[in-house]
Amino acid sequence: MNSPHIGEFSRGFAWPLFVVAVAAALGCSEPFRPGKSAGAATGTGGSAGEGGSTGSMGTGGSTGSTSSVGGSGGEGGAASVCGDGNVDAGEQCDDGNSVSGDGCSSGCTLPVCGDAIFDPGEFCFEQPPVSFSPQVIPLAGLLTFDCGSVDAGIDVIASGIATSAADLEKAIVAWSMKIGSRYAVTTSHGVTGTATAMAAGELDGNGSYMDLAVAHIGKFNILKGTGNCQFALHDGGPLTGEGRDIVTLNLDKTGKTDVAAVSWETTGKSGYLNWKLGDGSTTSKVGISGSSYALAAGDLDGDGDDDLAYTTKDTQGSRLVVLTTSFANNVVSFATFAQFTLTAEAMDIQLADLSGDGKLDILVASPLGKDVRVFINNGNAFAGLMPVAIAGGSPTGIAVADFDGDGDKDVALSVAQGPIDDVQLYANNGQGVLTAAGAIDIAQNSPLAIAAHIAAADMSGDGRPDLVIDTQTEIHVLLRAP
């Protein structure tokens, strides 16, 4: 595995040029006259200037001169100057300026991971992971958004089972981070029932703070954000069975945020898609085939409302199912738009425009299949690309952001593989084709730890995407640059 600082894209070295002065003897055209010997045709070349190239040849002595010494040598070459646009001896690059962070440093050296400078095209995370105990086992995952903390930065919200022996109730915990400081627990909220999944959105209609939708066994809760990372119970609804994943979305084009969740009823071994509109109506459901662990929402057909993509496993195998939605006469309805066979049951699904055409594409991570699938949205159909095989582990989570600064979306994966899990990075060629670009080792503090959820967010406030990953026992923050 690689060290905490990963490799960047290959760069061609600009090799220095060497100039060699060659003196050629020239014949004398003037007739010989007694008592007056001709001077040497070519003088000795001047010595090289400090740091420069060899001086030019001197001018030959005058014909008929009593001196046999040639003319004076040429001046030595000028000393090399970093920033003059010329790659001289001792320079790896020279882009004509003395500014770092543009692919050539102020000292005319090429970028290196770990030099604390972010350069275009780098997949480097310039600082070692910042790790801390979440005080919960984040079975429901983690979210990154500003929950109204005092630093006005991005916060980390985790939900799961509290690890304190004195308080075994289920909990939601939030952390606030100031740039350059460590995380600190700001609050903990008890939640009745096992938290199994959560999502964020503007759910109470006041537009002040982001709210939470938290799935449990048999129900989901909507928690209203009240500022400073505090949440209060606002609403909720029933779920049939165990909530497996939950999303916030717009089903009815009213501008109010709705909630949808997939659930699994173990007794009857039946799967369900549950939803509740933001107008306060009752929760509805439809049956789906098999057991689903992953759900995503977004406008996949370009009609202005959100559609759904989920993964499922039944007697026919593992599949990706894409549903389009419609809303008429106050009724939400779904239609199957596409289905794809997967190598194994998937644990995460994300929507992002990987091909740069403005349409949402689909990414699916299958831990048992040890691969990631990309499905490109062509408008009226989805085209599945070749699976991306994961080296040495099982992908459990997907984060999407422009990590190398070239304008298209790249991919980071949380990969479980034993005592040392890792984050694997993949560069996008602009058409959705992913190429391995490095990895970051995540050392575990417990044999029970496993890389699970991952999210991309600007945690340091420098305008570049960082990464947050949980391993069930710890949360790690990977920063791009100081």
Protein backbone atom coordinates (compact mmCIF):
# COMPACT_ATOMS: atom_id res chain seq x y z
CA MET A 1 0.00 0.00 0.00
CA ASN A 2 1.02 3.56 -0.48
CA SER A 3 2.06 6.01 2.20
CA PRO A 4 -0.43 8.65 3.44
CA HIS A 5 0.74 10.90 0.63
CA ILE A 6 -0.31 9.41 -2.65
CA GLY A 7 1.21 9.72 -6.06
CA GLU A 8 0.14 12.28 -8.57
CA PHE A 9 -0.28 12.01 -12.31
CA SER A 10 2.92 11.27 -14.22
CA ARG A 11 4.79 14.32 -15.42
CA GLY A 12 7.58 14.41 -18.02
CA PHE A 13 10.80 15.84 -16.68
CA ALA A 14 12.20 18.80 -18.62
CA TRP A 15 15.81 17.69 -18.94
CA PRO A 16 18.45 20.51 -18.90
CA LEU A 17 20.20 21.43 -22.15
CA PHE A 18 24.00 21.45 -22.37
CA VAL A 19 25.90 23.61 -24.85
CA VAL A 20 29.38 22.50 -25.99
CA ALA A 21 31.70 25.08 -27.69
CA VAL A 22 33.94 23.57 -30.36
CA ALA A 23 36.90 25.56 -31.74
CA ALA A 24 37.73 24.94 -35.42
CA ALA A 25 41.14 26.01 -36.80
CA LEU A 26 40.77 28.43 -39.71
CA GLY A 27 43.47 28.97 -42.40
CA CYS A 28 45.10 32.36 -43.04
CA SER A 29 44.40 33.97 -46.44
CA GLU A 30 47.02 36.80 -46.14
CA PRO A 31 50.48 36.07 -47.77
CA PHE A 32 53.41 35.53 -45.40
CA ARG A 33 55.77 38.52 -45.01
CA PRO A 34 59.17 38.20 -43.38
CA GLY A 35 59.42 39.62 -39.91
CA LYS A 36 55.67 39.68 -39.48
CA SER A 37 54.10 36.41 -38.43
CA ALA A 38 50.35 36.06 -38.68
CA GLY A 39 48.31 35.91 -35.45
CA ALA A 40 46.41 32.78 -34.50
CA ALA A 41 43.20 32.62 -36.45
CA THR A 42 41.02 31.91 -33.42
CA GLY A 43 41.41 33.16 -29.87
CA THR A 44 40.83 31.04 -26.80
CA GLY A 45 37.16 30.85 -25.80
CA GLY A 46 36.14 32.79 -22.72
CA SER A 47 35.54 30.87 -19.53
CA ALA A 48 31.99 29.96 -18.61
CA GLY A 49 30.07 32.47 -16.53
CA GLU A 50 28.89 31.36 -13.13
CA GLY A 51 25.98 28.98 -13.59
CA GLY A 52 25.86 29.76 -17.31
CA SER A 53 26.92 28.07 -20.53
CA THR A 54 30.42 28.07 -22.02
CA GLY A 55 31.49 31.45 -23.47
CA SER A 56 31.67 32.00 -27.24
CA MET A 57 34.96 31.82 -29.17
CA GLY A 58 37.14 34.97 -29.21
CA THR A 59 37.89 36.91 -32.36
CA GLY A 60 41.17 35.98 -34.13
CA GLY A 61 44.27 38.27 -33.99
CA SER A 62 44.81 40.86 -36.72
CA THR A 63 46.77 39.71 -39.76
CA GLY A 64 50.33 41.00 -39.88
CA SER A 65 50.41 41.70 -36.20
CA THR A 66 53.72 41.00 -34.51
CA SER A 67 51.74 39.24 -31.84
CA SER A 68 51.03 35.59 -32.37
CA VAL A 69 48.31 35.66 -29.73
CA GLY A 70 44.73 35.42 -30.90
CA GLY A 71 42.01 37.84 -30.00
CA SER A 72 40.39 37.87 -26.61
CA GLY A 73 37.92 35.16 -25.74
CA GLY A 74 34.15 35.72 -25.65
CA GLU A 75 32.28 36.54 -22.49
CA GLY A 76 31.03 33.71 -20.31
CA GLY A 77 27.37 32.69 -20.47
CA ALA A 78 24.87 34.32 -18.13
CA ALA A 79 24.04 32.64 -14.82
CA SER A 80 20.81 30.55 -14.78
CA VAL A 81 17.79 32.36 -13.35
CA CYS A 82 14.72 30.50 -12.06
CA GLY A 83 11.65 32.07 -13.60
CA ASP A 84 13.17 33.19 -16.91
CA GLY A 85 11.33 30.52 -18.90
CA ASN A 86 14.49 28.57 -19.75
CA VAL A 87 15.20 25.18 -18.18
CA ASP A 88 18.86 25.49 -17.13
CA ALA A 89 21.23 23.10 -15.41
CA GLY A 90 19.94 22.27 -11.92
CA GLU A 91 16.32 23.16 -12.80
CA GLN A 92 13.57 20.56 -13.20
CA CYS A 93 11.19 23.05 -14.78
CA ASP A 94 10.86 26.79 -15.51
CA ASP A 95 7.49 28.24 -16.43
CA GLY A 96 8.57 31.85 -16.58
CA ASN A 97 7.41 32.93 -13.11
CA SER A 98 8.35 32.52 -9.46
CA VAL A 99 4.93 31.34 -8.25
CA SER A 100 4.28 27.94 -6.67
CA GLY A 101 1.08 25.92 -7.11
CA ASP A 102 0.98 26.12 -10.92
CA GLY A 103 2.84 22.92 -11.75
CA CYS A 104 6.35 24.35 -11.25
CA SER A 105 7.49 25.64 -7.87
CA SER A 106 9.11 28.99 -7.11
CA GLY A 107 12.40 27.06 -6.91
CA CYS A 108 11.91 25.54 -10.39
CA THR A 109 11.22 22.02 -9.09
CA LEU A 110 8.38 19.73 -10.14
CA PRO A 111 5.48 19.01 -7.72
CA VAL A 112 5.94 16.25 -5.16
CA CYS A 113 3.26 14.79 -2.91
CA GLY A 114 3.95 15.94 0.62
CA ASP A 115 5.51 19.30 -0.33
CA ALA A 116 2.52 21.11 1.27
CA ILE A 117 1.71 22.77 -2.07
CA PHE A 118 -1.40 21.89 -4.05
CA ASP A 119 -0.72 21.80 -7.80
CA PRO A 120 -3.22 21.26 -10.65
CA GLY A 121 -3.58 17.59 -11.51
CA GLU A 122 -2.41 16.37 -8.10
CA PHE A 123 -4.35 13.73 -6.22
CA CYS A 124 -2.26 14.48 -3.15
CA PHE A 125 -3.65 14.84 0.35
CA GLU A 126 -0.88 16.94 1.84
CA GLN A 127 -1.50 16.15 5.51
CA PRO A 128 -1.68 12.84 7.41
CA PRO A 129 -5.21 11.78 8.45
CA VAL A 130 -6.74 13.52 11.46
CA SER A 131 -8.49 10.76 13.42
CA PHE A 132 -10.84 10.80 16.40
CA SER A 133 -13.39 8.61 18.16
CA PRO A 134 -16.98 9.39 17.12
CA GLN A 135 -18.50 8.17 20.44
CA VAL A 136 -21.04 6.29 18.34
CA ILE A 137 -20.77 3.34 16.01
CA PRO A 138 -21.98 5.16 12.88
CA LEU A 139 -24.14 2.39 11.45
CA ALA A 140 -26.35 5.00 9.81
CA GLY A 141 -23.43 6.66 8.09
CA LEU A 142 -22.09 10.18 8.21
CA LEU A 143 -23.04 13.50 6.67
CA THR A 144 -21.06 16.68 6.03
CA PHE A 145 -22.79 20.08 6.05
CA ASP A 146 -22.94 23.29 8.06
CA CYS A 147 -25.30 22.50 10.93
CA GLY A 148 -25.03 26.01 12.35
CA SER A 149 -21.85 25.64 14.38
CA VAL A 150 -20.04 28.70 15.65
CA ASP A 151 -17.21 28.41 13.13
CA ALA A 152 -19.57 28.59 10.11
CA GLY A 153 -17.63 25.75 8.48
CA ILE A 154 -18.55 22.26 7.36
CA ASP A 155 -19.44 19.91 10.21
CA VAL A 156 -19.51 16.11 10.50
CA ILE A 157 -22.72 14.42 11.65
CA ALA A 158 -22.73 10.72 12.53
CA SER A 159 -25.58 8.51 13.66
CA GLY A 160 -25.60 5.05 15.17
CA ILE A 161 -25.18 3.32 18.51
CA ALA A 162 -23.55 5.18 21.42
CA THR A 163 -20.35 3.54 22.64
CA SER A 164 -20.51 4.86 26.21
CA ALA A 165 -21.23 2.11 28.72
CA ALA A 166 -23.20 4.60 30.80
CA ASP A 167 -25.48 5.56 27.91
CA LEU A 168 -26.34 2.81 25.46
CA GLU A 169 -29.24 4.64 23.87
CA LYS A 170 -28.97 5.36 20.19
CA ALA A 171 -27.45 8.72 19.38
CA ILE A 172 -26.71 11.37 16.82
CA VAL A 173 -23.48 13.25 17.38
CA ALA A 174 -22.16 16.35 15.64
CA TRP A 175 -18.64 17.78 15.46
CA SER A 176 -17.60 21.29 14.66
CA MET A 177 -14.17 22.06 13.23
CA LYS A 178 -12.34 25.37 13.07
CA ILE A 179 -9.53 25.56 10.57
CA GLY A 180 -6.34 24.40 12.26
CA SER A 181 -8.08 23.03 15.33
CA ARG A 182 -9.17 19.54 16.33
CA TYR A 183 -12.72 18.34 16.37
CA ALA A 184 -14.77 18.70 19.50
CA VAL A 185 -18.08 17.07 20.37
CA THR A 186 -20.69 19.80 20.55
CA THR A 187 -23.82 17.82 21.35
CA SER A 188 -25.41 14.38 21.51
CA HIS A 189 -29.07 13.59 20.89
CA GLY A 190 -30.87 10.45 21.94
CA VAL A 191 -33.02 8.84 19.23
CA THR A 192 -35.52 6.13 20.07
CA GLY A 193 -34.88 2.99 18.03
CA THR A 194 -31.79 1.83 16.17
CA ALA A 195 -30.66 4.44 13.66
CA THR A 196 -29.94 2.60 10.41
CA ALA A 197 -29.66 5.38 7.78
CA MET A 198 -29.89 9.16 7.56
CA ALA A 199 -30.09 12.00 5.06
CA ALA A 200 -30.07 15.81 5.20
CA GLY A 201 -32.41 18.35 3.63
CA GLU A 202 -34.62 21.38 4.24
CA LEU A 203 -37.52 19.46 5.75
CA ASP A 204 -39.33 21.83 8.10
CA GLY A 205 -39.85 24.62 5.57
CA ASN A 206 -38.28 27.46 7.58
CA GLY A 207 -35.12 27.71 5.47
CA SER A 208 -32.91 28.36 8.50
CA TYR A 209 -30.87 25.21 9.15
CA MET A 210 -30.46 21.84 7.52
CA ASP A 211 -32.67 19.11 8.95
CA LEU A 212 -32.22 15.33 9.26
CA ALA A 213 -34.26 12.33 8.17
CA VAL A 214 -33.24 9.29 10.23
CA ALA A 215 -34.43 5.75 9.45
CA HIS A 216 -34.96 3.14 12.16
CA ILE A 217 -36.59 -0.25 12.47
CA GLY A 218 -40.28 0.33 11.82
CA LYS A 219 -40.18 4.12 11.42
CA PHE A 220 -38.28 7.24 10.41
CA ASN A 221 -37.88 10.54 12.27
CA ILE A 222 -37.49 14.05 10.91
CA LEU A 223 -35.27 16.13 13.17
CA LYS A 224 -35.46 19.90 12.80
CA GLY A 225 -32.18 21.82 12.87
CA THR A 226 -32.30 24.64 15.42
CA GLY A 227 -28.74 25.99 15.13
CA ASN A 228 -25.37 25.24 16.72
CA CYS A 229 -25.77 21.62 15.60
CA GLN A 230 -28.86 21.10 17.74
CA PHE A 231 -31.81 19.06 16.46
CA ALA A 232 -35.37 18.58 17.72
CA LEU A 233 -38.01 16.03 16.77
CA HIS A 234 -40.31 17.53 14.13
CA ASP A 235 -42.16 14.79 12.29
CA GLY A 236 -41.85 11.26 11.05
CA GLY A 237 -43.71 8.25 9.77
CA PRO A 238 -43.88 4.46 9.73
CA LEU A 239 -41.61 2.12 7.77
CA THR A 240 -42.46 -1.46 6.98
CA GLY A 241 -39.56 -3.40 8.44
CA GLU A 242 -35.99 -2.19 8.85
CA GLY A 243 -35.05 1.02 7.11
CA ARG A 244 -32.03 0.29 4.92
CA ASP A 245 -31.43 3.65 3.22
CA ILE A 246 -33.17 7.03 3.15
CA VAL A 247 -32.99 10.09 0.87
CA THR A 248 -34.48 13.57 0.65
CA LEU A 249 -35.90 14.56 -2.72
CA ASN A 250 -38.60 16.40 -4.70
CA LEU A 251 -41.34 14.08 -5.93
CA ASP A 252 -44.22 16.49 -6.56
CA LYS A 253 -42.51 19.68 -7.86
CA THR A 254 -44.04 21.75 -5.06
CA GLY A 255 -40.71 23.00 -3.73
CA LYS A 256 -41.21 21.19 -0.44
CA THR A 257 -38.69 18.48 0.38
CA ASP A 258 -40.00 14.92 0.47
CA VAL A 259 -38.52 11.74 1.99
CA ALA A 260 -38.14 8.24 0.52
CA ALA A 261 -36.69 5.07 2.05
CA VAL A 262 -36.15 1.43 1.19
CA SER A 263 -36.90 -1.11 3.92
CA TRP A 264 -36.79 -4.86 4.47
CA GLU A 265 -39.37 -6.85 6.40
CA THR A 266 -37.59 -9.94 7.73
CA THR A 267 -40.67 -12.01 8.68
CA GLY A 268 -42.27 -11.97 5.27
CA LYS A 269 -38.92 -11.42 3.54
CA SER A 270 -40.33 -8.55 1.51
CA GLY A 271 -38.81 -5.29 0.33
CA TYR A 272 -40.58 -1.92 0.23
CA LEU A 273 -40.16 1.56 -1.15
CA ASN A 274 -41.66 4.06 1.32
CA TRP A 275 -42.18 7.82 0.80
CA LYS A 276 -43.75 10.82 2.48
CA LEU A 277 -44.43 14.17 0.82
CA GLY A 278 -43.36 17.44 2.41
CA ASP A 279 -46.97 18.64 2.66
CA GLY A 280 -47.46 16.46 5.74
CA SER A 281 -49.48 13.71 4.05
CA THR A 282 -49.33 10.14 5.28
CA THR A 283 -46.55 7.74 4.35
CA SER A 284 -47.12 5.54 1.29
CA LYS A 285 -45.34 2.39 0.12
CA VAL A 286 -45.01 -0.06 -2.75
CA GLY A 287 -43.45 -3.49 -2.72
CA ILE A 288 -40.11 -4.06 -4.46
CA SER A 289 -38.48 -7.35 -5.32
CA GLY A 290 -35.72 -8.47 -3.00
CA SER A 291 -33.63 -6.84 -0.30
CA SER A 292 -32.22 -3.37 -0.94
CA TYR A 293 -29.37 -1.65 0.88
CA ALA A 294 -28.77 1.41 -1.31
CA LEU A 295 -31.01 4.19 -2.63
CA ALA A 296 -30.26 7.43 -4.49
CA ALA A 297 -32.44 10.25 -5.81
CA GLY A 298 -32.01 12.79 -8.61
CA ASP A 299 -33.54 14.02 -11.85
CA LEU A 300 -32.47 11.18 -14.14
CA ASP A 301 -34.87 11.85 -17.02
CA GLY A 302 -34.64 15.65 -17.10
CA ASP A 303 -38.31 16.40 -16.41
CA GLY A 304 -37.75 18.52 -13.30
CA ASP A 305 -38.69 16.08 -10.55
CA ASP A 306 -36.49 13.54 -8.84
CA ASP A 307 -36.29 9.90 -9.86
CA LEU A 308 -34.91 6.94 -7.93
CA ALA A 309 -32.19 4.35 -8.37
CA TYR A 310 -31.80 1.45 -5.95
CA THR A 311 -29.95 -1.84 -5.73
CA THR A 312 -31.58 -5.11 -4.79
CA LYS A 313 -30.85 -8.79 -4.38
CA ASP A 314 -33.44 -11.52 -4.90
CA THR A 315 -33.64 -15.04 -6.33
CA GLN A 316 -32.67 -13.65 -9.74
CA GLY A 317 -29.42 -12.18 -8.42
CA SER A 318 -28.23 -8.66 -7.72
CA ARG A 319 -29.56 -5.78 -9.80
CA LEU A 320 -29.63 -2.02 -10.25
CA VAL A 321 -33.15 -0.68 -10.80
CA VAL A 322 -33.91 2.82 -12.14
CA LEU A 323 -37.38 4.27 -11.52
CA THR A 324 -38.84 7.40 -13.09
CA THR A 325 -41.48 9.27 -11.11
CA SER A 326 -44.63 11.18 -12.03
CA PHE A 327 -47.11 13.15 -9.97
CA ALA A 328 -50.75 13.63 -10.94
CA ASN A 329 -53.95 14.15 -8.93
CA ASN A 330 -51.89 14.24 -5.74
CA VAL A 331 -50.60 10.74 -6.41
CA VAL A 332 -46.97 9.71 -6.87
CA SER A 333 -46.35 6.86 -9.27
CA PHE A 334 -43.20 5.04 -10.38
CA ALA A 335 -42.24 3.29 -13.61
CA THR A 336 -39.24 1.03 -14.22
CA PHE A 337 -36.90 2.81 -16.63
CA ALA A 338 -33.93 0.44 -16.67
CA GLN A 339 -32.46 -2.61 -14.92
CA PHE A 340 -28.91 -3.92 -14.89
CA THR A 341 -27.37 -7.11 -13.50
CA LEU A 342 -24.63 -6.56 -10.91
CA THR A 343 -21.79 -8.90 -9.97
CA ALA A 344 -22.91 -8.96 -6.32
CA GLU A 345 -25.06 -7.14 -3.81
CA ALA A 346 -24.28 -3.40 -3.72
CA MET A 347 -23.86 -1.32 -0.55
CA ASP A 348 -23.64 2.20 -1.98
CA ILE A 349 -25.02 4.09 -4.95
CA GLN A 350 -24.25 7.67 -6.01
CA LEU A 351 -25.47 9.96 -8.77
CA ALA A 352 -23.10 12.41 -10.48
CA ASP A 353 -22.41 13.87 -13.92
CA LEU A 354 -19.26 11.96 -14.88
CA SER A 355 -19.46 12.52 -18.64
CA GLY A 356 -19.86 16.31 -18.47
CA ASP A 357 -23.10 16.48 -20.47
CA GLY A 358 -25.29 17.80 -17.66
CA LYS A 359 -27.03 14.46 -17.06
CA LEU A 360 -26.74 12.44 -13.88
CA ASP A 361 -24.88 9.15 -14.24
CA ILE A 362 -24.95 6.26 -11.74
CA LEU A 363 -22.12 4.66 -9.72
CA VAL A 364 -22.60 1.44 -7.76
CA ALA A 365 -20.14 -0.18 -5.31
CA SER A 366 -20.32 -3.94 -4.69
CA PRO A 367 -18.15 -5.14 -1.76
CA LEU A 368 -18.56 -8.85 -2.50
CA GLY A 369 -18.08 -8.28 -6.21
CA LYS A 370 -15.00 -6.16 -5.46
CA ASP A 371 -15.86 -3.72 -8.20
CA VAL A 372 -17.52 -0.41 -9.02
CA ARG A 373 -19.94 -0.05 -11.94
CA VAL A 374 -20.53 3.16 -13.89
CA PHE A 375 -23.73 3.67 -15.90
CA ILE A 376 -23.70 6.63 -18.29
CA ASN A 377 -26.98 8.51 -18.81
CA ASN A 378 -27.56 9.08 -22.52
CA GLY A 379 -30.92 10.79 -21.98
CA ASN A 380 -33.21 8.02 -23.13
CA ALA A 381 -31.13 5.09 -21.88
CA PHE A 382 -28.22 4.12 -19.63
CA ALA A 383 -25.04 2.52 -20.95
CA GLY A 384 -23.03 0.38 -18.57
CA LEU A 385 -19.26 0.76 -18.78
CA MET A 386 -16.77 -1.98 -17.98
CA PRO A 387 -16.59 -2.66 -14.21
CA VAL A 388 -13.73 -1.02 -12.33
CA ALA A 389 -11.95 -3.84 -10.50
CA ILE A 390 -10.76 -2.88 -7.01
CA ALA A 391 -7.28 -4.03 -6.06
CA GLY A 392 -6.90 -5.81 -2.73
CA GLY A 393 -10.19 -5.06 -1.01
CA SER A 394 -13.95 -4.51 -1.04
CA PRO A 395 -15.42 -1.08 -1.90
CA THR A 396 -17.99 -0.01 0.68
CA GLY A 397 -18.61 3.66 -0.10
CA ILE A 398 -18.35 6.22 -2.90
CA ALA A 399 -17.51 9.94 -2.82
CA VAL A 400 -17.50 12.10 -5.95
CA ALA A 401 -15.71 15.46 -6.42
CA ASP A 402 -13.18 17.17 -8.69
CA PHE A 403 -10.09 16.04 -6.78
CA ASP A 404 -7.47 16.95 -9.41
CA GLY A 405 -8.89 20.34 -10.42
CA ASP A 406 -9.39 19.56 -14.12
CA GLY A 407 -13.12 20.36 -14.15
CA ASP A 408 -14.65 16.87 -14.17
CA LYS A 409 -15.82 14.62 -11.35
CA ASP A 410 -13.40 12.06 -9.93
CA VAL A 411 -14.11 9.22 -7.52
CA ALA A 412 -12.86 8.22 -4.07
CA LEU A 413 -13.73 4.84 -2.58
CA SER A 414 -13.61 3.55 0.97
CA VAL A 415 -12.12 0.06 0.70
CA ALA A 416 -12.22 -2.56 3.45
CA GLN A 417 -9.31 -5.00 3.43
CA GLY A 418 -8.27 -5.88 6.98
CA PRO A 419 -5.93 -4.30 9.53
CA ILE A 420 -5.11 -1.45 7.13
CA ASP A 421 -8.05 -0.23 5.06
CA ASP A 422 -7.61 2.48 2.51
CA VAL A 423 -9.14 5.18 0.38
CA GLN A 424 -8.63 4.53 -3.32
CA LEU A 425 -8.75 7.39 -5.82
CA TYR A 426 -9.77 7.21 -9.47
CA ALA A 427 -9.29 9.90 -12.11
CA ASN A 428 -12.08 10.56 -14.59
CA ASN A 429 -11.11 11.11 -18.25
CA GLY A 430 -14.17 13.35 -18.72
CA GLN A 431 -16.29 10.58 -20.22
CA GLY A 432 -16.84 8.48 -17.11
CA VAL A 433 -13.88 6.15 -17.63
CA LEU A 434 -12.05 5.80 -14.31
CA THR A 435 -8.32 5.15 -13.91
CA ALA A 436 -6.58 4.33 -10.63
CA ALA A 437 -4.70 7.41 -9.35
CA GLY A 438 -3.43 6.32 -5.93
CA ALA A 439 -4.45 5.21 -2.47
CA ILE A 440 -4.21 6.37 1.15
CA ASP A 441 -3.69 3.87 3.96
CA ILE A 442 -6.00 4.11 6.97
CA ALA A 443 -4.55 2.25 9.95
CA GLN A 444 -7.21 0.79 12.26
CA ASN A 445 -7.25 0.95 16.03
CA SER A 446 -9.38 -2.17 16.43
CA PRO A 447 -9.68 -5.59 14.76
CA LEU A 448 -13.42 -4.87 14.51
CA ALA A 449 -12.89 -1.73 12.44
CA ILE A 450 -13.91 -1.68 8.80
CA ALA A 451 -13.92 1.12 6.26
CA ALA A 452 -17.59 1.95 5.71
CA HIS A 453 -18.89 5.39 4.74
CA ILE A 454 -17.05 8.16 2.89
CA ALA A 455 -17.95 11.74 2.01
CA ALA A 456 -16.28 14.60 0.12
CA ALA A 457 -16.48 18.14 1.53
CA ASP A 458 -14.33 21.24 1.93
CA MET A 459 -13.44 20.69 5.57
CA SER A 460 -10.52 23.16 5.70
CA GLY A 461 -12.23 26.05 3.90
CA ASP A 462 -9.63 26.36 1.14
CA GLY A 463 -12.05 25.69 -1.70
CA ARG A 464 -10.79 22.17 -2.41
CA PRO A 465 -12.60 18.89 -1.62
CA ASP A 466 -11.32 16.94 1.38
CA LEU A 467 -12.45 13.48 2.48
CA VAL A 468 -14.16 12.14 5.61
CA ILE A 469 -14.27 8.39 6.20
CA ASP A 470 -15.60 6.29 9.08
CA THR A 471 -14.34 2.87 10.08
CA GLN A 472 -17.09 2.16 12.62
CA THR A 473 -14.66 2.85 15.49
CA GLU A 474 -13.00 6.05 14.25
CA ILE A 475 -13.61 8.93 11.88
CA HIS A 476 -10.72 10.13 9.73
CA VAL A 477 -10.41 13.48 7.95
CA LEU A 478 -8.05 13.67 4.97
CA LEU A 479 -7.09 17.24 4.04
CA ARG A 480 -5.87 18.20 0.57
CA ALA A 481 -3.48 20.94 1.72
CA PRO A 482 -2.50 22.84 4.90
